[in-house]
């Protein structure tokens, strides 16, 4: 059963509707979520750009690779130069994506 049972209907003019639609798009929320957040006093934040998620995924992969290499290096006392080059390449890609965001 729904826990939100009270509908709310209100009217907007063209300017208000345009502004509201921009706020919905900017926030990444649907209309109901946006209105509930505004009513509850939540500060709106812009949705991060798509590059943010690319950087996040790349950093996650990078840290996993570094952890695996460190584990292997600790057990064998050897580091594969190819693996190090792969990490350097991933780090450079992260920097490129971060620069594109800024």
Protein backbone atom coordinates (compact mmCIF):
# COMPACT_ATOMS: atom_id res chain seq x y z
CA UNK A 1 0.00 0.00 0.00
CA UNK A 2 1.16 3.52 -0.73
CA UNK A 3 2.35 5.62 2.15
CA UNK A 4 1.66 8.83 0.22
CA UNK A 5 -2.08 9.06 -0.07
CA UNK A 6 -2.74 12.79 -0.46
CA UNK A 7 -2.72 14.14 -4.03
CA UNK A 8 -1.91 17.79 -4.67
CA UNK A 9 -3.07 19.61 -7.78
CA UNK A 10 -1.97 23.16 -8.54
CA UNK A 11 -1.70 25.41 -11.55
CA UNK A 12 1.31 27.17 -13.08
CA UNK A 13 1.73 29.76 -15.78
CA UNK A 14 4.08 29.21 -18.74
CA UNK A 15 7.08 30.83 -17.04
CA UNK A 16 6.63 28.81 -13.83
CA UNK A 17 6.18 25.57 -15.78
CA UNK A 18 9.32 26.22 -17.82
CA UNK A 19 11.32 26.93 -14.66
CA UNK A 20 9.91 23.85 -12.92
CA UNK A 21 10.79 21.63 -15.89
CA UNK A 22 14.35 22.99 -15.88
CA UNK A 23 14.63 22.23 -12.15
CA UNK A 24 13.39 18.67 -12.72
CA UNK A 25 15.93 18.13 -15.50
CA UNK A 26 18.79 19.70 -13.54
CA UNK A 27 18.12 17.69 -10.40
CA UNK A 28 17.58 14.32 -12.07
CA UNK A 29 14.52 13.80 -9.88
CA UNK A 30 10.99 13.21 -11.06
CA UNK A 31 8.41 15.94 -10.47
CA UNK A 32 6.96 14.40 -7.32
CA UNK A 33 10.37 13.79 -5.75
CA UNK A 34 11.44 17.35 -6.52
CA UNK A 35 8.32 18.86 -4.97
CA UNK A 36 8.57 16.69 -1.85
CA UNK A 37 12.24 17.64 -1.41
CA UNK A 38 11.43 21.35 -1.80
CA UNK A 39 8.57 21.11 0.70
CA UNK A 40 10.87 19.39 3.21
CA UNK A 41 13.55 22.07 2.76
CA UNK A 42 16.13 19.90 1.01
CA UNK A 43 18.75 21.96 -0.85
CA UNK A 44 18.71 21.12 -4.54
CA UNK A 45 21.89 19.92 -6.19
CA UNK A 46 22.56 19.59 -9.86
CA UNK A 47 22.82 16.08 -11.21
CA UNK A 48 26.48 15.29 -11.92
CA UNK A 49 27.49 15.14 -15.58
CA UNK A 50 27.85 11.75 -17.27
CA UNK A 51 31.65 12.06 -17.12
CA UNK A 52 31.40 11.90 -13.32
CA UNK A 53 30.10 8.35 -13.51
CA UNK A 54 32.79 7.40 -16.05
CA UNK A 55 35.49 8.69 -13.69
CA UNK A 56 33.87 6.92 -10.74
CA UNK A 57 33.82 3.59 -12.58
CA UNK A 58 37.38 4.02 -13.82
CA UNK A 59 38.64 4.87 -10.32
CA UNK A 60 36.85 1.83 -8.93
CA UNK A 61 38.49 -0.41 -11.54
CA UNK A 62 41.85 1.24 -10.91
CA UNK A 63 41.74 0.70 -7.15
CA UNK A 64 40.71 -2.92 -7.64
CA UNK A 65 43.63 -3.48 -10.03
CA UNK A 66 46.09 -1.81 -7.66
CA UNK A 67 44.84 -3.97 -4.80
CA UNK A 68 45.24 -7.16 -6.85
CA UNK A 69 48.73 -6.16 -7.97
CA UNK A 70 49.75 -5.27 -4.41
CA UNK A 71 48.45 -8.62 -3.17
CA UNK A 72 50.35 -10.45 -5.91
CA UNK A 73 53.52 -8.40 -5.32
CA UNK A 74 53.41 -9.12 -1.57
CA UNK A 75 53.06 -12.85 -2.13
CA UNK A 76 55.60 -13.24 -4.95
CA UNK A 77 57.87 -10.23 -4.35
CA UNK A 78 57.57 -9.43 -8.06
CA UNK A 79 55.67 -6.75 -9.99
CA UNK A 80 54.74 -7.27 -13.63
CA UNK A 81 55.82 -4.22 -15.71
CA UNK A 82 52.81 -4.73 -18.00
CA UNK A 83 50.46 -4.40 -15.02
CA UNK A 84 52.21 -1.20 -13.93
CA UNK A 85 51.84 0.24 -17.42
CA UNK A 86 48.13 -0.61 -17.37
CA UNK A 87 47.74 1.25 -14.07
CA UNK A 88 49.60 4.27 -15.44
CA UNK A 89 47.31 4.28 -18.45
CA UNK A 90 44.21 4.13 -16.26
CA UNK A 91 45.52 6.96 -14.07
CA UNK A 92 46.13 9.12 -17.16
CA UNK A 93 42.60 8.39 -18.40
CA UNK A 94 41.22 9.44 -14.99
CA UNK A 95 43.13 12.74 -15.17
CA UNK A 96 41.84 13.38 -18.69
CA UNK A 97 38.24 12.80 -17.62
CA UNK A 98 38.68 14.96 -14.51
CA UNK A 99 40.13 17.81 -16.59
CA UNK A 100 37.15 17.56 -18.94
CA UNK A 101 34.83 18.02 -15.94
CA UNK A 102 36.61 21.11 -14.66
